[in-house]
N, C-alpha and C. Protein backbone atom coordinates (compact mmCIF):
# COMPACT_ATOMS: atom_id res chain seq x y z
N UNK A 1 102.66 97.88 90.49
CA UNK A 1 101.58 98.91 90.19
C UNK A 1 100.61 98.99 91.20
N UNK A 2 100.18 99.86 91.24
CA UNK A 2 98.75 99.87 92.33
C UNK A 2 97.92 99.73 91.60
N UNK A 3 96.83 99.07 91.80
CA UNK A 3 95.65 98.98 91.08
C UNK A 3 94.94 100.13 90.40
N UNK A 4 94.86 101.30 91.29
CA UNK A 4 94.50 102.85 90.35
C UNK A 4 95.28 103.75 90.67
N UNK A 5 96.47 104.19 89.81
CA UNK A 5 97.25 105.28 90.37
C UNK A 5 96.37 106.39 90.95
N UNK A 6 97.51 107.30 91.71
CA UNK A 6 96.94 108.27 92.65
C UNK A 6 96.31 109.35 91.49
N UNK A 7 95.59 110.72 91.84
CA UNK A 7 95.49 111.62 90.80
C UNK A 7 96.94 112.25 90.53
N UNK A 8 97.27 112.83 89.33
CA UNK A 8 98.50 113.12 89.18
C UNK A 8 98.31 114.89 89.64
N UNK A 9 99.27 115.21 89.88
CA UNK A 9 100.00 116.70 90.49
C UNK A 9 99.76 117.54 89.07
N UNK A 10 99.71 118.61 89.33
CA UNK A 10 100.34 119.72 88.06
C UNK A 10 101.32 119.00 87.21
N UNK A 11 102.46 119.19 88.05
CA UNK A 11 103.92 118.64 87.38
C UNK A 11 103.95 117.63 86.68
N UNK A 12 103.16 116.82 87.42
CA UNK A 12 102.68 114.95 86.76
C UNK A 12 102.13 115.04 85.76
N UNK A 13 101.04 115.88 85.73
CA UNK A 13 100.28 116.01 84.61
C UNK A 13 100.68 116.81 83.42
N UNK A 14 101.85 117.55 83.39
CA UNK A 14 102.65 118.02 82.45
C UNK A 14 103.46 117.07 81.91
N UNK A 15 104.14 116.02 82.44
CA UNK A 15 105.09 115.13 81.87
C UNK A 15 104.12 114.11 81.48
N UNK A 16 103.07 113.59 81.97
CA UNK A 16 101.87 112.84 81.28
C UNK A 16 101.74 113.12 79.69
N UNK A 17 101.31 114.61 79.76
CA UNK A 17 100.62 115.38 78.38
C UNK A 17 101.70 114.93 77.70
N UNK A 18 103.16 114.93 77.88
CA UNK A 18 104.31 115.19 76.82
C UNK A 18 104.35 113.61 76.51
N UNK A 19 104.20 112.63 77.27
CA UNK A 19 104.25 111.37 77.00
C UNK A 19 103.06 110.77 76.45
N UNK A 20 102.06 111.54 76.50
CA UNK A 20 100.88 111.01 75.40
C UNK A 20 100.82 111.88 74.13
N UNK A 21 101.60 112.91 74.09
CA UNK A 21 101.93 113.21 73.12
C UNK A 21 103.11 112.72 72.05
N UNK A 22 104.17 112.15 72.51
CA UNK A 22 105.24 111.88 71.59
C UNK A 22 105.34 110.48 72.01
N UNK A 23 104.53 109.60 72.74
CA UNK A 23 104.80 108.03 73.29
C UNK A 23 106.27 107.93 74.29
N UNK A 24 106.28 106.84 74.18
CA UNK A 24 107.46 106.37 75.34
C UNK A 24 108.82 106.89 75.05
N UNK A 25 109.80 107.77 76.47
CA UNK A 25 110.42 108.46 75.68
C UNK A 25 111.50 108.43 77.11
N UNK A 26 112.70 109.03 76.82
CA UNK A 26 113.63 108.74 77.79
C UNK A 26 113.11 110.50 78.84
N UNK A 27 114.14 110.62 79.62
CA UNK A 27 113.73 111.62 80.50
C UNK A 27 114.37 113.06 79.79
N UNK A 28 115.76 112.75 79.08
CA UNK A 28 116.09 113.65 78.32
C UNK A 28 115.01 114.05 77.34
N UNK A 29 114.52 113.56 76.26
CA UNK A 29 113.43 113.94 75.59
C UNK A 29 112.37 114.55 75.88
N UNK A 30 111.55 114.26 77.49
CA UNK A 30 110.68 114.91 78.27
C UNK A 30 110.81 116.15 78.38
N UNK A 31 112.25 116.02 78.90
CA UNK A 31 112.95 117.56 79.30
C UNK A 31 113.16 118.16 78.12
N UNK A 32 113.74 118.09 77.12
CA UNK A 32 113.58 118.93 75.90
C UNK A 32 112.55 119.52 75.48
N UNK A 33 111.44 118.53 75.52
CA UNK A 33 109.73 119.09 75.17
C UNK A 33 109.40 120.23 76.36
N UNK A 34 109.55 120.08 77.54
CA UNK A 34 108.90 120.91 78.61
C UNK A 34 109.65 122.54 78.19
N UNK A 35 111.38 122.11 78.29
CA UNK A 35 112.01 123.15 78.41
C UNK A 35 111.77 124.17 77.04
N UNK A 36 111.26 123.62 76.31
CA UNK A 36 110.50 124.20 74.90
C UNK A 36 109.50 125.64 75.26
N UNK A 37 108.77 125.11 76.74
CA UNK A 37 107.82 125.80 76.99
C UNK A 37 107.96 127.13 78.21
N UNK A 38 109.32 126.35 79.32
CA UNK A 38 109.65 126.74 80.38
C UNK A 38 110.91 126.38 80.59
N UNK A 39 111.30 127.01 81.39
CA UNK A 39 112.91 126.48 82.00
C UNK A 39 112.49 125.24 83.16
N UNK A 40 113.17 124.42 83.09
CA UNK A 40 113.01 123.34 83.86
C UNK A 40 114.60 122.90 83.80
N UNK A 41 115.09 122.42 85.34
CA UNK A 41 116.18 121.11 85.53
C UNK A 41 115.79 119.93 84.93
N UNK A 42 116.70 119.39 84.22
CA UNK A 42 116.86 117.94 84.20
C UNK A 42 116.67 117.13 85.08
N UNK A 43 117.52 117.35 86.27
CA UNK A 43 117.20 116.36 87.47
C UNK A 43 116.08 116.86 88.29
N UNK A 44 115.13 117.50 87.92
CA UNK A 44 113.74 117.81 88.26
C UNK A 44 112.92 116.89 87.76
N UNK A 45 112.90 117.06 86.75
CA UNK A 45 112.22 116.14 85.52
C UNK A 45 112.60 114.71 85.87
N UNK A 46 113.65 114.53 86.24
CA UNK A 46 114.26 112.99 86.36
C UNK A 46 113.50 112.58 87.98
N UNK A 47 113.62 112.94 88.63
CA UNK A 47 112.81 112.92 89.90
C UNK A 47 111.62 112.76 90.07
N UNK A 48 111.07 113.60 89.39
CA UNK A 48 109.00 113.25 89.11
C UNK A 48 108.96 112.30 88.63
N UNK A 49 110.19 111.93 87.08
CA UNK A 49 109.49 110.96 86.61
C UNK A 49 110.14 109.39 87.75
N UNK A 50 111.07 109.49 88.54
CA UNK A 50 111.42 108.39 89.19
C UNK A 50 110.09 108.13 89.98
N UNK A 51 109.49 109.34 90.68
CA UNK A 51 108.38 109.22 91.94
C UNK A 51 107.39 108.64 90.98
N UNK A 52 106.97 109.13 89.65
CA UNK A 52 105.85 108.57 89.23
C UNK A 52 105.72 107.60 88.76
N UNK A 53 106.85 106.80 88.43
CA UNK A 53 107.26 105.52 88.46
C UNK A 53 106.93 104.63 89.95
N UNK A 54 107.01 105.04 90.69
CA UNK A 54 107.06 104.43 92.13
C UNK A 54 105.37 104.78 92.81
N UNK A 55 104.96 105.70 91.92
CA UNK A 55 103.46 105.89 92.22
C UNK A 55 102.30 105.10 91.18
N UNK A 56 103.01 104.56 90.24
CA UNK A 56 102.40 103.78 89.01
C UNK A 56 101.64 104.56 87.97
N UNK A 57 102.30 105.91 87.99
CA UNK A 57 101.51 106.87 86.84
C UNK A 57 102.29 106.84 85.50
N UNK A 58 103.39 106.03 85.60
CA UNK A 58 104.25 105.58 84.39
C UNK A 58 105.01 104.30 84.98
N UNK A 59 105.44 104.13 83.42
CA UNK A 59 105.92 102.41 83.22
C UNK A 59 107.42 102.84 83.15
N UNK A 60 108.52 102.61 83.38
CA UNK A 60 109.68 102.58 83.30
C UNK A 60 109.95 101.35 82.78
N UNK A 61 111.34 101.15 81.56
CA UNK A 61 111.80 100.32 80.77
C UNK A 61 113.11 100.39 81.02
N UNK A 62 113.75 99.40 81.73
CA UNK A 62 115.14 99.70 82.20
C UNK A 62 115.97 98.51 81.27
N UNK A 63 115.33 98.28 80.27
CA UNK A 63 116.55 97.40 79.26
C UNK A 63 117.61 98.01 78.86
N UNK A 64 117.30 99.48 78.34
CA UNK A 64 118.61 99.97 77.89
C UNK A 64 119.19 100.76 78.76
N UNK A 65 120.23 101.48 78.43
CA UNK A 65 121.02 102.32 79.57
C UNK A 65 120.02 103.79 79.57
N UNK A 66 119.81 104.04 78.65
CA UNK A 66 118.34 105.35 78.99
C UNK A 66 117.11 104.93 79.42
N UNK A 67 116.67 104.92 80.57
CA UNK A 67 115.13 104.20 81.02
C UNK A 67 114.24 104.99 79.83
N UNK A 68 113.33 104.01 79.55
CA UNK A 68 112.25 104.66 78.59
C UNK A 68 111.01 104.75 79.17
N UNK A 69 110.36 105.84 79.89
CA UNK A 69 109.19 105.98 80.44
C UNK A 69 107.91 105.85 79.52
N UNK A 70 106.86 105.54 79.89
CA UNK A 70 105.27 105.85 78.99
C UNK A 70 104.64 105.57 79.99
N UNK A 71 103.60 106.45 79.67
CA UNK A 71 102.15 106.92 80.70
C UNK A 71 102.02 105.53 80.92
N UNK A 72 101.39 105.23 82.16
CA UNK A 72 101.14 103.54 82.77
C UNK A 72 99.31 103.56 82.26
N UNK A 73 98.77 104.70 82.27
CA UNK A 73 97.13 104.99 81.75
C UNK A 73 97.03 105.63 80.43
N UNK A 74 95.90 105.27 79.76
CA UNK A 74 95.78 106.42 78.43
C UNK A 74 95.09 107.65 78.90
N UNK A 75 95.44 108.52 78.18
CA UNK A 75 95.15 110.03 78.44
C UNK A 75 93.64 110.03 78.71
N UNK A 76 92.69 109.40 78.20
CA UNK A 76 91.25 109.62 78.50
C UNK A 76 90.88 109.28 79.85
N UNK A 77 91.62 107.97 80.24
CA UNK A 77 91.61 107.44 81.65
C UNK A 77 91.71 108.18 82.63
N UNK A 78 93.15 109.42 82.59
CA UNK A 78 93.06 110.10 83.19
C UNK A 78 92.49 111.57 83.49
N UNK A 79 92.15 111.93 81.89
CA UNK A 79 90.85 112.66 82.05
C UNK A 79 89.51 112.34 82.66
N UNK A 80 89.12 111.37 82.86
CA UNK A 80 87.86 110.67 83.33
C UNK A 80 88.17 110.72 85.01
N UNK A 81 89.23 110.53 85.32
CA UNK A 81 89.48 110.70 86.52
C UNK A 81 89.60 111.90 87.62
N UNK A 82 90.20 112.97 86.73
CA UNK A 82 90.60 114.27 87.09
C UNK A 82 88.83 114.79 87.64
N UNK A 83 88.36 114.69 86.30
CA UNK A 83 87.13 115.29 85.56
C UNK A 83 86.01 114.55 87.01
N UNK A 84 86.31 113.23 87.30
CA UNK A 84 85.52 112.60 88.35
C UNK A 84 85.79 113.14 89.50
N UNK A 85 87.15 113.54 90.09
CA UNK A 85 87.61 114.08 91.54
C UNK A 85 87.42 115.69 91.36
N UNK A 86 87.31 116.26 90.31
CA UNK A 86 86.58 118.07 90.16
C UNK A 86 85.07 117.87 90.43
N UNK A 87 84.72 117.08 89.71
CA UNK A 87 83.32 116.86 90.22
C UNK A 87 82.77 117.02 91.36
N UNK A 88 83.61 115.82 92.05
CA UNK A 88 83.13 115.66 93.46
C UNK A 88 83.64 116.72 94.44
N UNK A 89 84.79 117.23 94.12
CA UNK A 89 85.24 117.95 95.39
C UNK A 89 84.68 119.79 95.37
N UNK A 90 84.69 120.30 93.93
CA UNK A 90 84.07 121.14 93.54
C UNK A 90 82.30 121.48 93.36
N UNK A 91 82.29 120.51 92.99
CA UNK A 91 80.44 120.83 92.11
C UNK A 91 79.52 119.34 92.77
N UNK A 92 79.36 119.48 94.11
CA UNK A 92 78.78 118.76 94.70
C UNK A 92 78.08 117.56 94.10
N UNK A 93 79.16 116.94 93.49
CA UNK A 93 78.99 115.47 92.86
C UNK A 93 78.56 115.64 91.62
N UNK A 94 77.47 116.67 91.09
CA UNK A 94 76.85 116.23 90.10
C UNK A 94 77.47 117.14 88.71
N UNK A 95 76.98 116.33 87.53
CA UNK A 95 77.69 116.44 86.22
C UNK A 95 77.15 117.62 85.65
N UNK A 96 75.74 118.18 86.08
CA UNK A 96 75.36 119.43 85.74
C UNK A 96 76.14 120.25 86.30
N UNK A 97 76.19 120.53 87.67
CA UNK A 97 77.14 121.89 87.84
C UNK A 97 78.42 121.98 87.27
N UNK A 98 79.11 120.76 87.12
CA UNK A 98 80.55 120.58 86.32
C UNK A 98 80.26 121.31 85.36
N UNK A 99 79.51 120.80 83.88
CA UNK A 99 79.24 121.41 83.13
C UNK A 99 78.87 122.87 83.23
N UNK A 100 77.67 123.24 83.77
CA UNK A 100 77.59 124.84 83.63
C UNK A 100 78.93 125.35 84.26
N UNK A 101 79.65 125.31 84.72
CA UNK A 101 80.72 125.68 85.62
C UNK A 101 81.81 125.91 84.58
N UNK A 102 82.01 124.67 83.70
CA UNK A 102 82.79 124.46 82.28
C UNK A 102 82.48 125.40 81.64
N UNK A 103 81.30 125.43 81.08
CA UNK A 103 80.83 126.35 80.28
C UNK A 103 81.25 127.72 80.63
N UNK A 104 80.54 128.39 81.65
CA UNK A 104 80.94 129.39 82.14
C UNK A 104 82.20 130.06 82.52
N UNK A 105 83.01 129.12 82.54
CA UNK A 105 84.43 129.55 82.63
C UNK A 105 85.07 130.16 81.08
N UNK A 106 84.89 129.26 80.19
CA UNK A 106 85.36 129.88 79.16
C UNK A 106 84.12 129.85 78.40
N UNK A 107 83.82 130.39 76.83
CA UNK A 107 82.50 130.95 76.37
C UNK A 107 82.83 129.40 74.85
N UNK A 108 81.82 128.56 74.77
CA UNK A 108 82.29 127.76 73.71
C UNK A 108 81.55 128.12 72.74
N UNK A 109 82.23 128.12 71.70
CA UNK A 109 81.64 127.82 70.31
C UNK A 109 80.66 127.28 69.77
N UNK A 110 79.93 127.63 68.39
CA UNK A 110 78.90 126.84 68.26
C UNK A 110 78.71 125.50 67.73
N UNK A 111 80.08 125.08 67.25
CA UNK A 111 80.39 123.97 67.04
C UNK A 111 80.73 123.21 68.12
N UNK A 112 81.49 123.69 68.90
CA UNK A 112 81.53 122.78 70.20
C UNK A 112 79.96 122.77 71.41
N UNK A 113 79.15 123.43 70.75
CA UNK A 113 77.61 123.55 71.79
C UNK A 113 77.46 122.29 70.71
N UNK A 114 77.43 122.31 70.02
CA UNK A 114 76.47 121.52 68.94
C UNK A 114 76.77 119.81 69.01
N UNK A 115 78.48 119.82 69.34
CA UNK A 115 79.07 118.47 69.45
C UNK A 115 78.64 118.14 70.99
N UNK A 116 78.37 118.81 72.28
CA UNK A 116 78.13 118.50 73.21
C UNK A 116 76.48 118.45 73.62
N UNK A 117 75.51 119.18 72.58
CA UNK A 117 74.32 118.13 72.24
C UNK A 117 74.57 116.92 71.82
N UNK A 118 75.27 116.62 70.89
CA UNK A 118 74.93 115.40 70.28
C UNK A 118 75.28 114.39 71.02
N UNK A 119 76.62 114.68 72.06
CA UNK A 119 77.00 113.71 72.73
C UNK A 119 76.16 113.25 73.90
N UNK A 120 75.44 114.70 74.62
CA UNK A 120 74.30 114.73 75.10
C UNK A 120 73.24 113.55 74.75
N UNK A 121 72.95 113.80 73.72
CA UNK A 121 71.85 112.84 73.10
C UNK A 121 72.31 111.43 73.07
N UNK A 122 73.22 110.98 72.54
CA UNK A 122 73.87 109.85 72.72
C UNK A 122 73.99 109.31 73.72
N UNK A 123 74.45 109.87 74.69
CA UNK A 123 74.61 109.44 76.18
C UNK A 123 74.00 108.20 76.46
N UNK A 124 74.86 107.02 76.79
CA UNK A 124 73.85 105.97 77.45
C UNK A 124 73.09 106.02 78.56
N UNK A 125 72.07 105.78 78.64
CA UNK A 125 71.50 106.25 79.43
C UNK A 125 71.39 105.08 80.89
N UNK A 126 72.01 105.74 82.22
CA UNK A 126 72.20 104.86 83.11
C UNK A 126 73.16 104.22 83.06
N UNK A 127 74.49 104.62 82.42
CA UNK A 127 75.85 104.26 82.66
C UNK A 127 76.64 105.03 83.15
N UNK A 128 77.51 105.06 84.14
CA UNK A 128 78.44 106.06 84.26
C UNK A 128 79.96 106.65 83.14
């Protein structure tokens, strides 16, 4: 597995979200969850998960007849990776611009704003 997996595509992120929600799972189990939301071919999900294993986005346990897959990194790690990439590509690398963009895209309620203020007040100075 590569030291740092690549940024997942939208389709790969959908599969990772399923794995983070239900834990280690077979292709059939992932397919069942996805098809509750939208139509998807089993063979397409299988191929994506095989590619994701090659990329290091998921780990595959081949001990059982039906291979069991699990996310290689926790949800929080991937979210940081995606946020950092988005901040660099779309917001000139500034956290301020990213936060303003996020807040202007969708109105935050008072509870969310209070939580953001608290997080900012508690954020360690000088750390990434």
